[in-house]
Amino acid sequence: MKFRNPFQSAIKRNFMKEAELRLYEKVAKDIENNDINNGVWTKAFAKSNGDVAKQKSIYIELMVELYEDRLRAEEELEVILASAANKDKADQQEQEAQQQARQREAEVKKKDEEERKKRHEKWVAGAAERERKANQETKILLIIFFSFIALMVLLVVLPGLYL
C-alpha cells in the first residue's frame, strides 16, 4: 500500500501517475516483444514460488520499480551535473576575478613605477641646480671665513704696530 504525500500538489501527483502508467505500458510492450530482462524474470520466479501467473505479475512490478529507479537516478545525475557545471562556472568566474585583480594590481604597480621614475628624473634634473647653490653657499662661507680670519689677523697685528 502506497501512502499519498499530503504536501504534494494534485498536478504533481497526476503527472507522477501518468509517468507510472507509461512505465507499465513500456513493460507490457517489452513482454509482447519478448524483450525480457532475465535477471528480473528469475527474481520474479523466485518471489512467486514457481507460480507462472504470479511470476508475470511480480515481473511487471519489479520492472516498473527498476524503470522508476533509473529515472530517479537520471534526475539525480542531472542535478549533480548541473551542480558541477555551476561549480565550474563559479570557479571560472573566480579565476576571471582573480585575473582582473592581478591586472589592476599590475596597472597600479606600473603607475607607481612611472611616478617614481618621474620623481627620480625631476630630482636628477634638479641636481645641477642644487650643486650650483651648494657651491655658491660654500663660496660665501669661505669668503666669510677668510674675512673673519683677516679681521682677526688685523686685530692682532694692528695693536702691535702701534706699540
C-alpha atoms as a PDB file:
ATOM      1  CA  MET A   1       0.000   0.000   0.000  1.00  0.00           C
ATOM      2  CA  LYS A   2       1.403   3.333  -1.039  1.00  0.00           C
ATOM      3  CA  PHE A   3       0.831   6.393   1.095  1.00  0.00           C
ATOM      4  CA  ARG A   4      -0.007   9.663  -0.549  1.00  0.00           C
ATOM      5  CA  ASN A   5       2.228  12.609   0.205  1.00  0.00           C
ATOM      6  CA  PRO A   6      -0.078  15.295   1.664  1.00  0.00           C
ATOM      7  CA  PHE A   7       2.419  18.019   0.723  1.00  0.00           C
ATOM      8  CA  GLN A   8       2.455  17.077  -2.954  1.00  0.00           C
ATOM      9  CA  SER A   9       0.248  19.090  -5.300  1.00  0.00           C
ATOM     10  CA  ALA A  10      -2.541  17.449  -7.288  1.00  0.00           C
ATOM     11  CA  ILE A  11      -0.802  18.426 -10.522  1.00  0.00           C
ATOM     12  CA  LYS A  12       2.419  16.744  -9.475  1.00  0.00           C
ATOM     13  CA  ARG A  13       0.516  13.619  -8.278  1.00  0.00           C
ATOM     14  CA  ASN A  14      -1.274  13.446 -11.627  1.00  0.00           C
ATOM     15  CA  PHE A  15       1.993  13.858 -13.509  1.00  0.00           C
ATOM     16  CA  MET A  16       3.577  11.098 -11.424  1.00  0.00           C
ATOM     17  CA  LYS A  17       0.585   8.783 -12.076  1.00  0.00           C
ATOM     18  CA  GLU A  18       0.830   9.423 -15.820  1.00  0.00           C
ATOM     19  CA  ALA A  19       4.551   8.677 -15.760  1.00  0.00           C
ATOM     20  CA  GLU A  20       3.934   5.469 -13.796  1.00  0.00           C
ATOM     21  CA  LEU A  21       1.250   4.341 -16.260  1.00  0.00           C
ATOM     22  CA  ARG A  22       3.655   4.940 -19.147  1.00  0.00           C
ATOM     23  CA  LEU A  23       6.175   2.697 -17.411  1.00  0.00           C
ATOM     24  CA  TYR A  24       3.591  -0.080 -17.071  1.00  0.00           C
ATOM     25  CA  GLU A  25       2.822   0.386 -20.760  1.00  0.00           C
ATOM     26  CA  LYS A  26       6.527   0.079 -21.626  1.00  0.00           C
ATOM     27  CA  VAL A  27       6.834  -3.146 -19.609  1.00  0.00           C
ATOM     28  CA  ALA A  28       3.726  -4.548 -21.363  1.00  0.00           C
ATOM     29  CA  LYS A  29       5.252  -3.763 -24.779  1.00  0.00           C
ATOM     30  CA  ASP A  30       8.554  -5.328 -23.710  1.00  0.00           C
ATOM     31  CA  ILE A  31       6.700  -8.524 -22.740  1.00  0.00           C
ATOM     32  CA  GLU A  32       4.774  -8.519 -26.054  1.00  0.00           C
ATOM     33  CA  ASN A  33       8.066  -8.135 -27.966  1.00  0.00           C
ATOM     34  CA  ASN A  34       9.604 -10.873 -25.824  1.00  0.00           C
ATOM     35  CA  ASP A  35      12.209  -8.374 -24.589  1.00  0.00           C
ATOM     36  CA  ILE A  36      12.551  -9.888 -21.107  1.00  0.00           C
ATOM     37  CA  ASN A  37      15.179  -8.922 -18.518  1.00  0.00           C
ATOM     38  CA  ASN A  38      16.368 -12.386 -17.448  1.00  0.00           C
ATOM     39  CA  GLY A  39      17.672 -11.267 -14.070  1.00  0.00           C
ATOM     40  CA  VAL A  40      14.376  -9.637 -13.111  1.00  0.00           C
ATOM     41  CA  TRP A  41      12.384 -12.557 -14.622  1.00  0.00           C
ATOM     42  CA  THR A  42      14.346 -15.004 -12.447  1.00  0.00           C
ATOM     43  CA  LYS A  43      13.853 -12.844  -9.335  1.00  0.00           C
ATOM     44  CA  ALA A  44      10.107 -12.742 -10.072  1.00  0.00           C
ATOM     45  CA  PHE A  45      10.100 -16.537 -10.425  1.00  0.00           C
ATOM     46  CA  ALA A  46      11.790 -16.879  -7.028  1.00  0.00           C
ATOM     47  CA  LYS A  47       9.321 -14.465  -5.376  1.00  0.00           C
ATOM     48  CA  SER A  48       6.336 -16.277  -6.939  1.00  0.00           C
ATOM     49  CA  ASN A  49       7.427 -19.663  -5.587  1.00  0.00           C
ATOM     50  CA  GLY A  50       7.245 -21.130  -9.082  1.00  0.00           C
ATOM     51  CA  ASP A  51       3.723 -19.834  -9.898  1.00  0.00           C
ATOM     52  CA  VAL A  52       3.976 -18.634 -13.532  1.00  0.00           C
ATOM     53  CA  ALA A  53       0.894 -16.367 -13.328  1.00  0.00           C
ATOM     54  CA  LYS A  54       2.269 -14.637 -10.231  1.00  0.00           C
ATOM     55  CA  GLN A  55       5.706 -14.542 -11.819  1.00  0.00           C
ATOM     56  CA  LYS A  56       4.459 -12.332 -14.671  1.00  0.00           C
ATOM     57  CA  SER A  57       2.673 -10.000 -12.237  1.00  0.00           C
ATOM     58  CA  ILE A  58       5.740  -9.746  -9.979  1.00  0.00           C
ATOM     59  CA  TYR A  59       7.954  -9.258 -13.045  1.00  0.00           C
ATOM     60  CA  ILE A  60       5.834  -6.296 -14.149  1.00  0.00           C
ATOM     61  CA  GLU A  61       6.029  -4.683 -10.686  1.00  0.00           C
ATOM     62  CA  LEU A  62       9.794  -5.252 -10.474  1.00  0.00           C
ATOM     63  CA  MET A  63      10.384  -3.811 -13.968  1.00  0.00           C
ATOM     64  CA  VAL A  64       8.298  -0.698 -13.217  1.00  0.00           C
ATOM     65  CA  GLU A  65      10.277  -0.279  -9.992  1.00  0.00           C
ATOM     66  CA  LEU A  66      13.536  -0.721 -11.940  1.00  0.00           C
ATOM     67  CA  TYR A  67      12.494   1.897 -14.525  1.00  0.00           C
ATOM     68  CA  GLU A  68      11.417   4.308 -11.761  1.00  0.00           C
ATOM     69  CA  ASP A  69      14.795   3.847 -10.065  1.00  0.00           C
ATOM     70  CA  ARG A  70      16.559   4.538 -13.355  1.00  0.00           C
ATOM     71  CA  LEU A  71      14.537   7.712 -13.886  1.00  0.00           C
ATOM     72  CA  ARG A  72      15.308   8.916 -10.355  1.00  0.00           C
ATOM     73  CA  ALA A  73      18.986   8.115 -10.904  1.00  0.00           C
ATOM     74  CA  GLU A  74      18.933  10.111 -14.158  1.00  0.00           C
ATOM     75  CA  GLU A  75      17.305  13.043 -12.352  1.00  0.00           C
ATOM     76  CA  GLU A  76      19.940  12.869  -9.607  1.00  0.00           C
ATOM     77  CA  LEU A  77      22.659  12.697 -12.227  1.00  0.00           C
ATOM     78  CA  GLU A  78      21.215  15.763 -13.964  1.00  0.00           C
ATOM     79  CA  VAL A  79      21.236  17.625 -10.631  1.00  0.00           C
ATOM     80  CA  ILE A  80      24.819  16.524  -9.979  1.00  0.00           C
ATOM     81  CA  LEU A  81      25.924  17.530 -13.477  1.00  0.00           C
ATOM     82  CA  ALA A  82      24.122  20.863 -13.185  1.00  0.00           C
ATOM     83  CA  SER A  83      25.769  21.400  -9.816  1.00  0.00           C
ATOM     84  CA  ALA A  84      29.158  20.533 -11.287  1.00  0.00           C
ATOM     85  CA  ALA A  85      28.508  22.892 -14.196  1.00  0.00           C
ATOM     86  CA  ASN A  86      27.543  25.650 -11.744  1.00  0.00           C
ATOM     87  CA  LYS A  87      30.676  24.957  -9.714  1.00  0.00           C
ATOM     88  CA  ASP A  88      32.789  25.072 -12.862  1.00  0.00           C
ATOM     89  CA  LYS A  89      31.122  28.346 -13.819  1.00  0.00           C
ATOM     90  CA  ALA A  90      31.715  29.761 -10.324  1.00  0.00           C
ATOM     91  CA  ASP A  91      35.341  28.599 -10.462  1.00  0.00           C
ATOM     92  CA  GLN A  92      35.755  30.241 -13.862  1.00  0.00           C
ATOM     93  CA  GLN A  93      34.220  33.487 -12.561  1.00  0.00           C
ATOM     94  CA  GLU A  94      36.558  33.349  -9.550  1.00  0.00           C
ATOM     95  CA  GLN A  95      39.558  32.854 -11.837  1.00  0.00           C
ATOM     96  CA  GLU A  96      38.426  35.756 -14.013  1.00  0.00           C
ATOM     97  CA  ALA A  97      38.012  37.959 -10.925  1.00  0.00           C
ATOM     98  CA  GLN A  98      41.487  36.993  -9.724  1.00  0.00           C
ATOM     99  CA  GLN A  99      42.933  37.736 -13.157  1.00  0.00           C
ATOM    100  CA  GLN A 100      41.224  41.137 -13.198  1.00  0.00           C
ATOM    101  CA  ALA A 101      42.571  41.853  -9.722  1.00  0.00           C
ATOM    102  CA  ARG A 102      46.083  40.914 -10.892  1.00  0.00           C
ATOM    103  CA  GLN A 103      45.680  43.196 -13.921  1.00  0.00           C
ATOM    104  CA  ARG A 104      44.522  46.090 -11.719  1.00  0.00           C
ATOM    105  CA  GLU A 105      47.426  45.435  -9.358  1.00  0.00           C
ATOM    106  CA  ALA A 106      49.851  45.406 -12.293  1.00  0.00           C
ATOM    107  CA  GLU A 107      48.382  48.684 -13.576  1.00  0.00           C
ATOM    108  CA  VAL A 108      48.727  50.310 -10.147  1.00  0.00           C
ATOM    109  CA  LYS A 109      52.274  48.996  -9.853  1.00  0.00           C
ATOM    110  CA  LYS A 110      53.100  50.327 -13.326  1.00  0.00           C
ATOM    111  CA  LYS A 111      51.600  53.718 -12.460  1.00  0.00           C
ATOM    112  CA  ASP A 112      53.554  53.840  -9.184  1.00  0.00           C
ATOM    113  CA  GLU A 113      56.751  52.943 -11.044  1.00  0.00           C
ATOM    114  CA  GLU A 114      56.106  55.695 -13.608  1.00  0.00           C
ATOM    115  CA  GLU A 115      55.535  58.235 -10.818  1.00  0.00           C
ATOM    116  CA  ARG A 116      58.711  57.094  -9.029  1.00  0.00           C
ATOM    117  CA  LYS A 117      60.618  57.382 -12.300  1.00  0.00           C
ATOM    118  CA  LYS A 118      59.271  60.935 -12.867  1.00  0.00           C
ATOM    119  CA  ARG A 119      60.254  61.963  -9.327  1.00  0.00           C
ATOM    120  CA  HIS A 120      63.717  60.499  -9.880  1.00  0.00           C
ATOM    121  CA  GLU A 121      64.105  62.320 -13.218  1.00  0.00           C
ATOM    122  CA  LYS A 122      62.962  65.548 -11.574  1.00  0.00           C
ATOM    123  CA  TRP A 123      65.431  65.002  -8.739  1.00  0.00           C
ATOM    124  CA  VAL A 124      68.242  64.261 -11.247  1.00  0.00           C
ATOM    125  CA  ALA A 125      67.293  67.358 -13.271  1.00  0.00           C
ATOM    126  CA  GLY A 126      67.445  69.467 -10.088  1.00  0.00           C
ATOM    127  CA  ALA A 127      70.811  68.014  -9.059  1.00  0.00           C
ATOM    128  CA  ALA A 128      72.781  70.537 -11.144  1.00  0.00           C
ATOM    129  CA  GLU A 129      70.837  73.423  -9.607  1.00  0.00           C
ATOM    130  CA  ARG A 130      71.339  72.015  -6.100  1.00  0.00           C
ATOM    131  CA  GLU A 131      75.060  71.600  -6.779  1.00  0.00           C
ATOM    132  CA  ARG A 132      75.332  75.185  -8.077  1.00  0.00           C
ATOM    133  CA  LYS A 133      73.569  76.504  -4.961  1.00  0.00           C
ATOM    134  CA  ALA A 134      75.786  74.383  -2.719  1.00  0.00           C
ATOM    135  CA  ASN A 135      78.914  75.726  -4.482  1.00  0.00           C
ATOM    136  CA  GLN A 136      77.628  79.273  -4.138  1.00  0.00           C
ATOM    137  CA  GLU A 137      76.912  78.757  -0.441  1.00  0.00           C
ATOM    138  CA  THR A 138      80.376  77.231   0.009  1.00  0.00           C
ATOM    139  CA  LYS A 139      81.954  80.247  -1.676  1.00  0.00           C
ATOM    140  CA  ILE A 140      80.008  82.611   0.567  1.00  0.00           C
ATOM    141  CA  LEU A 141      81.052  80.659   3.669  1.00  0.00           C
ATOM    142  CA  LEU A 142      84.676  80.669   2.526  1.00  0.00           C
ATOM    143  CA  ILE A 143      84.550  84.430   1.948  1.00  0.00           C
ATOM    144  CA  ILE A 144      83.030  84.937   5.404  1.00  0.00           C
ATOM    145  CA  PHE A 145      85.593  82.596   6.980  1.00  0.00           C
ATOM    146  CA  PHE A 146      88.572  84.231   5.333  1.00  0.00           C
ATOM    147  CA  SER A 147      87.160  87.674   6.093  1.00  0.00           C
ATOM    148  CA  PHE A 148      86.904  86.691   9.717  1.00  0.00           C
ATOM    149  CA  ILE A 149      90.473  85.337   9.695  1.00  0.00           C
ATOM    150  CA  ALA A 150      91.677  88.560   8.073  1.00  0.00           C
ATOM    151  CA  LEU A 151      89.829  90.601  10.663  1.00  0.00           C
ATOM    152  CA  MET A 152      91.388  88.579  13.469  1.00  0.00           C
ATOM    153  CA  VAL A 153      94.827  88.961  11.986  1.00  0.00           C
ATOM    154  CA  LEU A 154      94.269  92.677  11.716  1.00  0.00           C
ATOM    155  CA  LEU A 155      93.086  92.873  15.276  1.00  0.00           C
ATOM    156  CA  VAL A 156      96.156  91.006  16.462  1.00  0.00           C
ATOM    157  CA  VAL A 157      98.664  92.757  14.162  1.00  0.00           C
ATOM    158  CA  LEU A 158      97.313  96.308  14.372  1.00  0.00           C
ATOM    159  CA  PRO A 159      97.731  96.794  18.105  1.00  0.00           C
ATOM    160  CA  GLY A 160     101.303  95.520  17.817  1.00  0.00           C
ATOM    161  CA  LEU A 161     102.056  98.085  15.134  1.00  0.00           C
ATOM    162  CA  TYR A 162     101.211 100.949  17.426  1.00  0.00           C
ATOM    163  CA  LEU A 163     103.329  99.805  20.256  1.00  0.00           C
END
